[in-house]
Amino acid sequence: MDWYKIYINSDNENDVCGIVKEAFLEKCFKDAATGAPEKVVAIFVDKGINISPSRDGYLYFSPNCIQHMEILLKHYKSEPCEKPKRKDVCLVISYSDKDAWDMLDK
């Protein structure tokens, strides 16, 4: 399964972050309603983006995000990509932080 990335900069950063949060909350509510969380869903960002608003970079979506955020990924013209390196990213949001980081170590 592919990872996906969306290029973010000062022009689209607020839109992307708002939609990501909304999509992720929707996924969590679905899991809570069924009583069984699905596979790990995680979003990472290039290190340094949150420190410098003028820095451009990427949001990285774990492979299972496509099931929950397909509209977002298409709208922002996501690209399939390699799994990011743990040392290069910060975790933005995840259902399970430990499982999210473990995905990068495999």
PDB file of N, CA and C in Angstrom:
ATOM      1  N   MET A   1       0.842  -1.193   0.000  1.00  0.00           N
ATOM      2  CA  MET A   1       0.000   0.000   0.000  1.00  0.00           C
ATOM      3  C   MET A   1       0.878   1.244   0.000  1.00  0.00           C
ATOM      4  N   ASP A   2       0.422   2.223  -0.730  1.00  0.00           N
ATOM      5  CA  ASP A   2       1.174   3.467  -0.829  1.00  0.00           C
ATOM      6  C   ASP A   2       0.880   4.418   0.314  1.00  0.00           C
ATOM      7  N   TRP A   3       1.883   5.182   0.644  1.00  0.00           N
ATOM      8  CA  TRP A   3       1.699   6.369   1.464  1.00  0.00           C
ATOM      9  C   TRP A   3       1.339   7.482   0.485  1.00  0.00           C
ATOM     10  N   TYR A   4       0.781   8.565   0.997  1.00  0.00           N
ATOM     11  CA  TYR A   4       0.446   9.712   0.157  1.00  0.00           C
ATOM     12  C   TYR A   4       0.995  10.962   0.809  1.00  0.00           C
ATOM     13  N   LYS A   5       1.270  11.962  -0.032  1.00  0.00           N
ATOM     14  CA  LYS A   5       1.736  13.240   0.503  1.00  0.00           C
ATOM     15  C   LYS A   5       1.012  14.374  -0.197  1.00  0.00           C
ATOM     16  N   ILE A   6       0.808  15.443   0.549  1.00  0.00           N
ATOM     17  CA  ILE A   6       0.210  16.673   0.020  1.00  0.00           C
ATOM     18  C   ILE A   6       1.175  17.803   0.330  1.00  0.00           C
ATOM     19  N   TYR A   7       1.478  18.570  -0.694  1.00  0.00           N
ATOM     20  CA  TYR A   7       2.346  19.728  -0.539  1.00  0.00           C
ATOM     21  C   TYR A   7       1.582  20.825   0.187  1.00  0.00           C
ATOM     22  N   ILE A   8       2.181  21.376   1.233  1.00  0.00           N
ATOM     23  CA  ILE A   8       1.533  22.481   1.951  1.00  0.00           C
ATOM     24  C   ILE A   8       2.452  23.696   1.969  1.00  0.00           C
ATOM     25  N   ASN A   9       1.812  24.841   1.906  1.00  0.00           N
ATOM     26  CA  ASN A   9       2.519  26.109   2.015  1.00  0.00           C
ATOM     27  C   ASN A   9       1.571  27.102   2.682  1.00  0.00           C
ATOM     28  N   SER A  10       1.961  28.349   2.762  1.00  0.00           N
ATOM     29  CA  SER A  10       1.134  29.342   3.458  1.00  0.00           C
ATOM     30  C   SER A  10      -0.208  29.573   2.757  1.00  0.00           C
ATOM     31  N   ASP A  11      -0.319  29.255   1.476  1.00  0.00           N
ATOM     32  CA  ASP A  11      -1.577  29.451   0.744  1.00  0.00           C
ATOM     33  C   ASP A  11      -2.648  28.417   1.091  1.00  0.00           C
ATOM     34  N   ASN A  12      -2.253  27.183   1.344  1.00  0.00           N
ATOM     35  CA  ASN A  12      -3.265  26.150   1.585  1.00  0.00           C
ATOM     36  C   ASN A  12      -3.184  25.504   2.960  1.00  0.00           C
ATOM     37  N   GLU A  13      -2.261  25.935   3.794  1.00  0.00           N
ATOM     38  CA  GLU A  13      -2.020  25.282   5.088  1.00  0.00           C
ATOM     39  C   GLU A  13      -3.269  25.228   5.967  1.00  0.00           C
ATOM     40  N   ASN A  14      -3.983  26.322   6.120  1.00  0.00           N
ATOM     41  CA  ASN A  14      -5.156  26.337   6.993  1.00  0.00           C
ATOM     42  C   ASN A  14      -6.267  25.443   6.474  1.00  0.00           C
ATOM     43  N   ASP A  15      -6.523  25.448   5.162  1.00  0.00           N
ATOM     44  CA  ASP A  15      -7.548  24.584   4.574  1.00  0.00           C
ATOM     45  C   ASP A  15      -7.227  23.118   4.805  1.00  0.00           C
ATOM     46  N   VAL A  16      -5.997  22.727   4.507  1.00  0.00           N
ATOM     47  CA  VAL A  16      -5.596  21.331   4.638  1.00  0.00           C
ATOM     48  C   VAL A  16      -5.710  20.889   6.096  1.00  0.00           C
ATOM     49  N   CYS A  17      -5.196  21.681   7.013  1.00  0.00           N
ATOM     50  CA  CYS A  17      -5.210  21.292   8.425  1.00  0.00           C
ATOM     51  C   CYS A  17      -6.630  21.163   8.962  1.00  0.00           C
ATOM     52  N   GLY A  18      -7.529  22.051   8.561  1.00  0.00           N
ATOM     53  CA  GLY A  18      -8.920  21.975   9.003  1.00  0.00           C
ATOM     54  C   GLY A  18      -9.620  20.732   8.477  1.00  0.00           C
ATOM     55  N   ILE A  19      -9.405  20.425   7.219  1.00  0.00           N
ATOM     56  CA  ILE A  19     -10.043  19.260   6.610  1.00  0.00           C
ATOM     57  C   ILE A  19      -9.469  17.973   7.187  1.00  0.00           C
ATOM     58  N   VAL A  20      -8.167  17.948   7.436  1.00  0.00           N
ATOM     59  CA  VAL A  20      -7.536  16.771   8.025  1.00  0.00           C
ATOM     60  C   VAL A  20      -8.155  16.487   9.392  1.00  0.00           C
ATOM     61  N   LYS A  21      -8.288  17.520  10.190  1.00  0.00           N
ATOM     62  CA  LYS A  21      -8.856  17.348  11.523  1.00  0.00           C
ATOM     63  C   LYS A  21     -10.293  16.834  11.442  1.00  0.00           C
ATOM     64  N   GLU A  22     -11.078  17.411  10.562  1.00  0.00           N
ATOM     65  CA  GLU A  22     -12.472  17.002  10.391  1.00  0.00           C
ATOM     66  C   GLU A  22     -12.568  15.548   9.920  1.00  0.00           C
ATOM     67  N   ALA A  23     -11.773  15.178   8.930  1.00  0.00           N
ATOM     68  CA  ALA A  23     -11.798  13.819   8.402  1.00  0.00           C
ATOM     69  C   ALA A  23     -11.352  12.810   9.459  1.00  0.00           C
ATOM     70  N   PHE A  24     -10.348  13.184  10.228  1.00  0.00           N
ATOM     71  CA  PHE A  24      -9.842  12.269  11.238  1.00  0.00           C
ATOM     72  C   PHE A  24     -10.861  12.083  12.362  1.00  0.00           C
ATOM     73  N   LEU A  25     -11.512  13.165  12.771  1.00  0.00           N
ATOM     74  CA  LEU A  25     -12.546  13.049  13.808  1.00  0.00           C
ATOM     75  C   LEU A  25     -13.692  12.175  13.323  1.00  0.00           C
ATOM     76  N   GLU A  26     -14.065  12.324  12.054  1.00  0.00           N
ATOM     77  CA  GLU A  26     -15.126  11.499  11.480  1.00  0.00           C
ATOM     78  C   GLU A  26     -14.743  10.025  11.548  1.00  0.00           C
ATOM     79  N   LYS A  27     -13.488   9.714  11.223  1.00  0.00           N
ATOM     80  CA  LYS A  27     -13.013   8.339  11.297  1.00  0.00           C
ATOM     81  C   LYS A  27     -13.088   7.815  12.721  1.00  0.00           C
ATOM     82  N   CYS A  28     -12.687   8.616  13.693  1.00  0.00           N
ATOM     83  CA  CYS A  28     -12.708   8.201  15.095  1.00  0.00           C
ATOM     84  C   CYS A  28     -14.139   7.954  15.567  1.00  0.00           C
ATOM     85  N   PHE A  29     -15.076   8.819  15.146  1.00  0.00           N
ATOM     86  CA  PHE A  29     -16.471   8.629  15.534  1.00  0.00           C
ATOM     87  C   PHE A  29     -17.028   7.343  14.936  1.00  0.00           C
ATOM     88  N   LYS A  30     -16.673   7.043  13.684  1.00  0.00           N
ATOM     89  CA  LYS A  30     -17.122   5.796  13.053  1.00  0.00           C
ATOM     90  C   LYS A  30     -16.593   4.597  13.834  1.00  0.00           C
ATOM     91  N   ASP A  31     -15.318   4.651  14.223  1.00  0.00           N
ATOM     92  CA  ASP A  31     -14.723   3.559  14.988  1.00  0.00           C
ATOM     93  C   ASP A  31     -15.411   3.397  16.339  1.00  0.00           C
ATOM     94  N   ALA A  32     -15.705   4.522  16.993  1.00  0.00           N
ATOM     95  CA  ALA A  32     -16.367   4.470  18.292  1.00  0.00           C
ATOM     96  C   ALA A  32     -17.763   3.872  18.164  1.00  0.00           C
ATOM     97  N   ALA A  33     -18.451   4.198  17.079  1.00  0.00           N
ATOM     98  CA  ALA A  33     -19.810   3.689  16.871  1.00  0.00           C
ATOM     99  C   ALA A  33     -19.810   2.177  16.630  1.00  0.00           C
ATOM    100  N   THR A  34     -18.795   1.679  15.948  1.00  0.00           N
ATOM    101  CA  THR A  34     -18.744   0.247  15.661  1.00  0.00           C
ATOM    102  C   THR A  34     -18.068  -0.524  16.784  1.00  0.00           C
ATOM    103  N   GLY A  35     -17.363   0.179  17.657  1.00  0.00           N
ATOM    104  CA  GLY A  35     -16.684  -0.473  18.769  1.00  0.00           C
ATOM    105  C   GLY A  35     -15.367  -1.125  18.407  1.00  0.00           C
ATOM    106  N   ALA A  36     -14.916  -0.922  17.181  1.00  0.00           N
ATOM    107  CA  ALA A  36     -13.669  -1.560  16.758  1.00  0.00           C
ATOM    108  C   ALA A  36     -12.864  -0.641  15.855  1.00  0.00           C
ATOM    109  N   PRO A  37     -11.782  -0.063  16.384  1.00  0.00           N
ATOM    110  CA  PRO A  37     -10.942   0.775  15.521  1.00  0.00           C
ATOM    111  C   PRO A  37     -10.357  -0.045  14.375  1.00  0.00           C
ATOM    112  N   GLU A  38     -10.275   0.590  13.225  1.00  0.00           N
ATOM    113  CA  GLU A  38      -9.681  -0.081  12.074  1.00  0.00           C
ATOM    114  C   GLU A  38      -8.166   0.013  12.170  1.00  0.00           C
ATOM    115  N   LYS A  39      -7.519  -0.315  11.093  1.00  0.00           N
ATOM    116  CA  LYS A  39      -6.062  -0.260  11.067  1.00  0.00           C
ATOM    117  C   LYS A  39      -5.579   1.157  11.331  1.00  0.00           C
ATOM    118  N   VAL A  40      -4.322   1.257  11.689  1.00  0.00           N
ATOM    119  CA  VAL A  40      -3.736   2.537  12.076  1.00  0.00           C
ATOM    120  C   VAL A  40      -3.836   3.566  10.957  1.00  0.00           C
ATOM    121  N   VAL A  41      -4.310   4.739  11.324  1.00  0.00           N
ATOM    122  CA  VAL A  41      -4.356   5.888  10.432  1.00  0.00           C
ATOM    123  C   VAL A  41      -3.510   6.968  11.096  1.00  0.00           C
ATOM    124  N   ALA A  42      -2.566   7.519  10.355  1.00  0.00           N
ATOM    125  CA  ALA A  42      -1.691   8.539  10.925  1.00  0.00           C
ATOM    126  C   ALA A  42      -1.309   9.559   9.867  1.00  0.00           C
ATOM    127  N   ILE A  43      -1.080  10.770  10.340  1.00  0.00           N
ATOM    128  CA  ILE A  43      -0.636  11.853   9.462  1.00  0.00           C
ATOM    129  C   ILE A  43       0.608  12.469  10.091  1.00  0.00           C
ATOM    130  N   PHE A  44       1.640  12.607   9.279  1.00  0.00           N
ATOM    131  CA  PHE A  44       2.905  13.194   9.714  1.00  0.00           C
ATOM    132  C   PHE A  44       3.170  14.453   8.891  1.00  0.00           C
ATOM    133  N   VAL A  45       4.071  15.292   9.378  1.00  0.00           N
ATOM    134  CA  VAL A  45       4.457  16.504   8.659  1.00  0.00           C
ATOM    135  C   VAL A  45       5.979  16.627   8.694  1.00  0.00           C
ATOM    136  N   ASP A  46       6.541  17.232   7.654  1.00  0.00           N
ATOM    137  CA  ASP A  46       7.982  17.494   7.650  1.00  0.00           C
ATOM    138  C   ASP A  46       8.358  18.267   8.905  1.00  0.00           C
ATOM    139  N   LYS A  47       9.474  17.890   9.523  1.00  0.00           N
ATOM    140  CA  LYS A  47       9.955  18.622  10.696  1.00  0.00           C
ATOM    141  C   LYS A  47      10.240  20.068  10.301  1.00  0.00           C
ATOM    142  N   GLY A  48       9.942  20.997  11.187  1.00  0.00           N
ATOM    143  CA  GLY A  48      10.235  22.402  10.947  1.00  0.00           C
ATOM    144  C   GLY A  48       9.058  23.195  10.417  1.00  0.00           C
ATOM    145  N   ILE A  49       8.066  22.529   9.846  1.00  0.00           N
ATOM    146  CA  ILE A  49       6.900  23.246   9.305  1.00  0.00           C
ATOM    147  C   ILE A  49       6.177  23.993  10.419  1.00  0.00           C
ATOM    148  N   ASN A  50       6.011  23.329  11.567  1.00  0.00           N
ATOM    149  CA  ASN A  50       5.281  23.970  12.656  1.00  0.00           C
ATOM    150  C   ASN A  50       6.089  25.065  13.345  1.00  0.00           C
ATOM    151  N   ILE A  51       7.368  25.161  13.053  1.00  0.00           N
ATOM    152  CA  ILE A  51       8.210  26.192  13.667  1.00  0.00           C
ATOM    153  C   ILE A  51       8.271  27.433  12.783  1.00  0.00           C
ATOM    154  N   SER A  52       8.326  27.234  11.500  1.00  0.00           N
ATOM    155  CA  SER A  52       8.474  28.340  10.561  1.00  0.00           C
ATOM    156  C   SER A  52       7.298  28.377   9.592  1.00  0.00           C
ATOM    157  N   PRO A  53       6.364  29.321   9.775  1.00  0.00           N
ATOM    158  CA  PRO A  53       5.206  29.360   8.890  1.00  0.00           C
ATOM    159  C   PRO A  53       5.533  29.629   7.421  1.00  0.00           C
ATOM    160  N   SER A  54       6.703  30.142   7.150  1.00  0.00           N
ATOM    161  CA  SER A  54       7.061  30.434   5.765  1.00  0.00           C
ATOM    162  C   SER A  54       7.689  29.217   5.069  1.00  0.00           C
ATOM    163  N   ARG A  55       7.923  28.158   5.811  1.00  0.00           N
ATOM    164  CA  ARG A  55       8.555  26.966   5.233  1.00  0.00           C
ATOM    165  C   ARG A  55       7.506  26.088   4.556  1.00  0.00           C
ATOM    166  N   ASP A  56       7.774  25.673   3.351  1.00  0.00           N
ATOM    167  CA  ASP A  56       6.895  24.759   2.631  1.00  0.00           C
ATOM    168  C   ASP A  56       7.315  23.327   2.934  1.00  0.00           C
ATOM    169  N   GLY A  57       6.389  22.396   2.766  1.00  0.00           N
ATOM    170  CA  GLY A  57       6.732  21.002   3.000  1.00  0.00           C
ATOM    171  C   GLY A  57       5.568  20.093   2.684  1.00  0.00           C
ATOM    172  N   TYR A  58       5.575  18.918   3.267  1.00  0.00           N
ATOM    173  CA  TYR A  58       4.565  17.905   2.963  1.00  0.00           C
ATOM    174  C   TYR A  58       3.888  17.378   4.215  1.00  0.00           C
ATOM    175  N   LEU A  59       2.614  17.043   4.052  1.00  0.00           N
ATOM    176  CA  LEU A  59       1.894  16.207   5.005  1.00  0.00           C
ATOM    177  C   LEU A  59       1.946  14.801   4.427  1.00  0.00           C
ATOM    178  N   TYR A  60       2.217  13.816   5.270  1.00  0.00           N
ATOM    179  CA  TYR A  60       2.285  12.418   4.845  1.00  0.00           C
ATOM    180  C   TYR A  60       1.127  11.641   5.471  1.00  0.00           C
ATOM    181  N   PHE A  61       0.407  10.902   4.662  1.00  0.00           N
ATOM    182  CA  PHE A  61      -0.763  10.147   5.085  1.00  0.00           C
ATOM    183  C   PHE A  61      -0.458   8.659   5.004  1.00  0.00           C
ATOM    184  N   SER A  62      -0.682   7.949   6.092  1.00  0.00           N
ATOM    185  CA  SER A  62      -0.441   6.508   6.093  1.00  0.00           C
ATOM    186  C   SER A  62      -1.380   5.822   5.096  1.00  0.00           C
ATOM    187  N   PRO A  63      -1.028   4.624   4.658  1.00  0.00           N
ATOM    188  CA  PRO A  63      -1.810   3.953   3.618  1.00  0.00           C
ATOM    189  C   PRO A  63      -3.307   3.832   3.914  1.00  0.00           C
ATOM    190  N   ASN A  64      -3.694   3.627   5.148  1.00  0.00           N
ATOM    191  CA  ASN A  64      -5.112   3.456   5.464  1.00  0.00           C
ATOM    192  C   ASN A  64      -5.906   4.759   5.406  1.00  0.00           C
ATOM    193  N   CYS A  65      -5.246   5.884   5.276  1.00  0.00           N
ATOM    194  CA  CYS A  65      -5.957   7.170   5.176  1.00  0.00           C
ATOM    195  C   CYS A  65      -6.834   7.234   3.923  1.00  0.00           C
ATOM    196  N   ILE A  66      -6.443   6.532   2.875  1.00  0.00           N
ATOM    197  CA  ILE A  66      -7.201   6.606   1.621  1.00  0.00           C
ATOM    198  C   ILE A  66      -8.647   6.172   1.840  1.00  0.00           C
ATOM    199  N   GLN A  67      -8.884   5.261   2.770  1.00  0.00           N
ATOM    200  CA  GLN A  67     -10.239   4.783   3.042  1.00  0.00           C
ATOM    201  C   GLN A  67     -11.108   5.868   3.673  1.00  0.00           C
ATOM    202  N   HIS A  68     -10.499   6.821   4.364  1.00  0.00           N
ATOM    203  CA  HIS A  68     -11.246   7.808   5.138  1.00  0.00           C
ATOM    204  C   HIS A  68     -11.120   9.229   4.606  1.00  0.00           C
ATOM    205  N   MET A  69     -10.115   9.478   3.803  1.00  0.00           N
ATOM    206  CA  MET A  69      -9.827  10.848   3.378  1.00  0.00           C
ATOM    207  C   MET A  69      -9.623  10.952   1.875  1.00  0.00           C
ATOM    208  N   GLU A  70     -10.273  10.101   1.115  1.00  0.00           N
ATOM    209  CA  GLU A  70     -10.059  10.069  -0.332  1.00  0.00           C
ATOM    210  C   GLU A  70     -10.374  11.409  -0.989  1.00  0.00           C
ATOM    211  N   ILE A  71     -11.452  12.062  -0.580  1.00  0.00           N
ATOM    212  CA  ILE A  71     -11.828  13.357  -1.167  1.00  0.00           C
ATOM    213  C   ILE A  71     -10.743  14.399  -0.908  1.00  0.00           C
ATOM    214  N   LEU A  72     -10.257  14.460   0.321  1.00  0.00           N
ATOM    215  CA  LEU A  72      -9.182  15.395   0.673  1.00  0.00           C
ATOM    216  C   LEU A  72      -7.939  15.111  -0.162  1.00  0.00           C
ATOM    217  N   LEU A  73      -7.560  13.857  -0.250  1.00  0.00           N
ATOM    218  CA  LEU A  73      -6.343  13.498  -0.981  1.00  0.00           C
ATOM    219  C   LEU A  73      -6.454  13.836  -2.467  1.00  0.00           C
ATOM    220  N   LYS A  74      -7.628  13.643  -3.037  1.00  0.00           N
ATOM    221  CA  LYS A  74      -7.823  13.996  -4.446  1.00  0.00           C
ATOM    222  C   LYS A  74      -7.863  15.513  -4.636  1.00  0.00           C
ATOM    223  N   HIS A  75      -8.603  16.210  -3.765  1.00  0.00           N
ATOM    224  CA  HIS A  75      -8.757  17.660  -3.894  1.00  0.00           C
ATOM    225  C   HIS A  75      -7.399  18.379  -3.845  1.00  0.00           C
ATOM    226  N   TYR A  76      -6.531  17.936  -2.964  1.00  0.00           N
ATOM    227  CA  TYR A  76      -5.232  18.598  -2.828  1.00  0.00           C
ATOM    228  C   TYR A  76      -4.145  17.919  -3.658  1.00  0.00           C
ATOM    229  N   LYS A  77      -4.575  17.098  -4.613  1.00  0.00           N
ATOM    230  CA  LYS A  77      -3.656  16.480  -5.575  1.00  0.00           C
ATOM    231  C   LYS A  77      -2.510  15.738  -4.881  1.00  0.00           C
ATOM    232  N   SER A  78      -2.904  14.856  -3.968  1.00  0.00           N
ATOM    233  CA  SER A  78      -1.883  14.068  -3.271  1.00  0.00           C
ATOM    234  C   SER A  78      -1.145  13.184  -4.275  1.00  0.00           C
ATOM    235  N   GLU A  79       0.049  12.821  -3.883  1.00  0.00           N
ATOM    236  CA  GLU A  79       0.883  11.954  -4.715  1.00  0.00           C
ATOM    237  C   GLU A  79       1.269  10.727  -3.898  1.00  0.00           C
ATOM    238  N   PRO A  80       1.264   9.548  -4.521  1.00  0.00           N
ATOM    239  CA  PRO A  80       1.812   8.393  -3.819  1.00  0.00           C
ATOM    240  C   PRO A  80       3.288   8.666  -3.516  1.00  0.00           C
ATOM    241  N   CYS A  81       3.762   8.156  -2.400  1.00  0.00           N
ATOM    242  CA  CYS A  81       5.154   8.403  -2.027  1.00  0.00           C
ATOM    243  C   CYS A  81       5.680   7.256  -1.173  1.00  0.00           C
ATOM    244  N   GLU A  82       6.954   7.302  -0.937  1.00  0.00           N
ATOM    245  CA  GLU A  82       7.587   6.347  -0.031  1.00  0.00           C
ATOM    246  C   GLU A  82       7.210   6.716   1.407  1.00  0.00           C
ATOM    247  N   LYS A  83       7.302   5.754   2.275  1.00  0.00           N
ATOM    248  CA  LYS A  83       7.099   6.004   3.699  1.00  0.00           C
ATOM    249  C   LYS A  83       8.152   7.014   4.162  1.00  0.00           C
ATOM    250  N   PRO A  84       7.738   8.051   4.913  1.00  0.00           N
ATOM    251  CA  PRO A  84       8.734   9.025   5.358  1.00  0.00           C
ATOM    252  C   PRO A  84       9.683   8.417   6.397  1.00  0.00           C
ATOM    253  N   LYS A  85      10.836   9.009   6.532  1.00  0.00           N
ATOM    254  CA  LYS A  85      11.794   8.565   7.547  1.00  0.00           C
ATOM    255  C   LYS A  85      11.419   9.201   8.891  1.00  0.00           C
ATOM    256  N   ARG A  86      11.441   8.398   9.912  1.00  0.00           N
ATOM    257  CA  ARG A  86      11.052   8.842  11.255  1.00  0.00           C
ATOM    258  C   ARG A  86      11.797  10.116  11.677  1.00  0.00           C
ATOM    259  N   LYS A  87      13.074  10.184  11.352  1.00  0.00           N
ATOM    260  CA  LYS A  87      13.898  11.318  11.779  1.00  0.00           C
ATOM    261  C   LYS A  87      13.514  12.631  11.082  1.00  0.00           C
ATOM    262  N   ASP A  88      12.750  12.532   9.987  1.00  0.00           N
ATOM    263  CA  ASP A  88      12.425  13.713   9.182  1.00  0.00           C
ATOM    264  C   ASP A  88      11.036  14.290   9.436  1.00  0.00           C
ATOM    265  N   VAL A  89      10.228  13.627  10.279  1.00  0.00           N
ATOM    266  CA  VAL A  89       8.834  14.043  10.430  1.00  0.00           C
ATOM    267  C   VAL A  89       8.413  14.162  11.895  1.00  0.00           C
ATOM    268  N   CYS A  90       7.295  14.861  12.069  1.00  0.00           N
ATOM    269  CA  CYS A  90       6.612  14.958  13.358  1.00  0.00           C
ATOM    270  C   CYS A  90       5.217  14.374  13.168  1.00  0.00           C
ATOM    271  N   LEU A  91       4.706  13.723  14.195  1.00  0.00           N
ATOM    272  CA  LEU A  91       3.358  13.165  14.135  1.00  0.00           C
ATOM    273  C   LEU A  91       2.347  14.291  14.321  1.00  0.00           C
ATOM    274  N   VAL A  92       1.390  14.398  13.388  1.00  0.00           N
ATOM    275  CA  VAL A  92       0.347  15.418  13.474  1.00  0.00           C
ATOM    276  C   VAL A  92      -0.837  14.865  14.258  1.00  0.00           C
ATOM    277  N   ILE A  93      -1.328  13.703  13.824  1.00  0.00           N
ATOM    278  CA  ILE A  93      -2.501  13.124  14.469  1.00  0.00           C
ATOM    279  C   ILE A  93      -2.541  11.633  14.170  1.00  0.00           C
ATOM    280  N   SER A  94      -3.049  10.883  15.150  1.00  0.00           N
ATOM    281  CA  SER A  94      -3.140   9.438  14.986  1.00  0.00           C
ATOM    282  C   SER A  94      -4.135   8.883  15.986  1.00  0.00           C
ATOM    283  N   TYR A  95      -4.678   7.744  15.655  1.00  0.00           N
ATOM    284  CA  TYR A  95      -5.567   7.042  16.585  1.00  0.00           C
ATOM    285  C   TYR A  95      -4.737   6.435  17.715  1.00  0.00           C
ATOM    286  N   SER A  96      -3.527   6.033  17.401  1.00  0.00           N
ATOM    287  CA  SER A  96      -2.608   5.449  18.371  1.00  0.00           C
ATOM    288  C   SER A  96      -1.196   5.934  18.048  1.00  0.00           C
ATOM    289  N   ASP A  97      -0.661   6.808  18.895  1.00  0.00           N
ATOM    290  CA  ASP A  97       0.669   7.361  18.621  1.00  0.00           C
ATOM    291  C   ASP A  97       1.735   6.268  18.526  1.00  0.00           C
ATOM    292  N   LYS A  98       1.698   5.305  19.439  1.00  0.00           N
ATOM    293  CA  LYS A  98       2.701   4.243  19.423  1.00  0.00           C
ATOM    294  C   LYS A  98       2.634   3.465  18.107  1.00  0.00           C
ATOM    295  N   ASP A  99       1.427   3.086  17.702  1.00  0.00           N
ATOM    296  CA  ASP A  99       1.281   2.337  16.449  1.00  0.00           C
ATOM    297  C   ASP A  99       1.712   3.166  15.243  1.00  0.00           C
ATOM    298  N   ALA A 100       1.440   4.467  15.285  1.00  0.00           N
ATOM    299  CA  ALA A 100       1.839   5.344  14.180  1.00  0.00           C
ATOM    300  C   ALA A 100       3.356   5.352  14.027  1.00  0.00           C
ATOM    301  N   TRP A 101       4.063   5.562  15.137  1.00  0.00           N
ATOM    302  CA  TRP A 101       5.529   5.566  15.066  1.00  0.00           C
ATOM    303  C   TRP A 101       6.066   4.199  14.679  1.00  0.00           C
ATOM    304  N   ASP A 102       5.415   3.143  15.158  1.00  0.00           N
ATOM    305  CA  ASP A 102       5.858   1.786  14.811  1.00  0.00           C
ATOM    306  C   ASP A 102       5.769   1.548  13.303  1.00  0.00           C
ATOM    307  N   MET A 103       4.790   2.146  12.628  1.00  0.00           N
ATOM    308  CA  MET A 103       4.674   1.987  11.167  1.00  0.00           C
ATOM    309  C   MET A 103       5.932   2.477  10.465  1.00  0.00           C
ATOM    310  N   LEU A 104       6.527   3.533  10.997  1.00  0.00           N
ATOM    311  CA  LEU A 104       7.720   4.095  10.364  1.00  0.00           C
ATOM    312  C   LEU A 104       8.962   3.258  10.623  1.00  0.00           C
ATOM    313  N   ASP A 105       8.919   2.472  11.698  1.00  0.00           N
ATOM    314  CA  ASP A 105      10.090   1.649  12.060  1.00  0.00           C
ATOM    315  C   ASP A 105      10.126   0.317  11.343  1.00  0.00           C
ATOM    316  N   LYS A 106       9.031  -0.077  10.700  1.00  0.00           N
ATOM    317  CA  LYS A 106       8.984  -1.398  10.029  1.00  0.00           C
ATOM    318  C   LYS A 106       9.605  -1.351   8.665  1.00  0.00           C
TER     319      LYS A 106
END
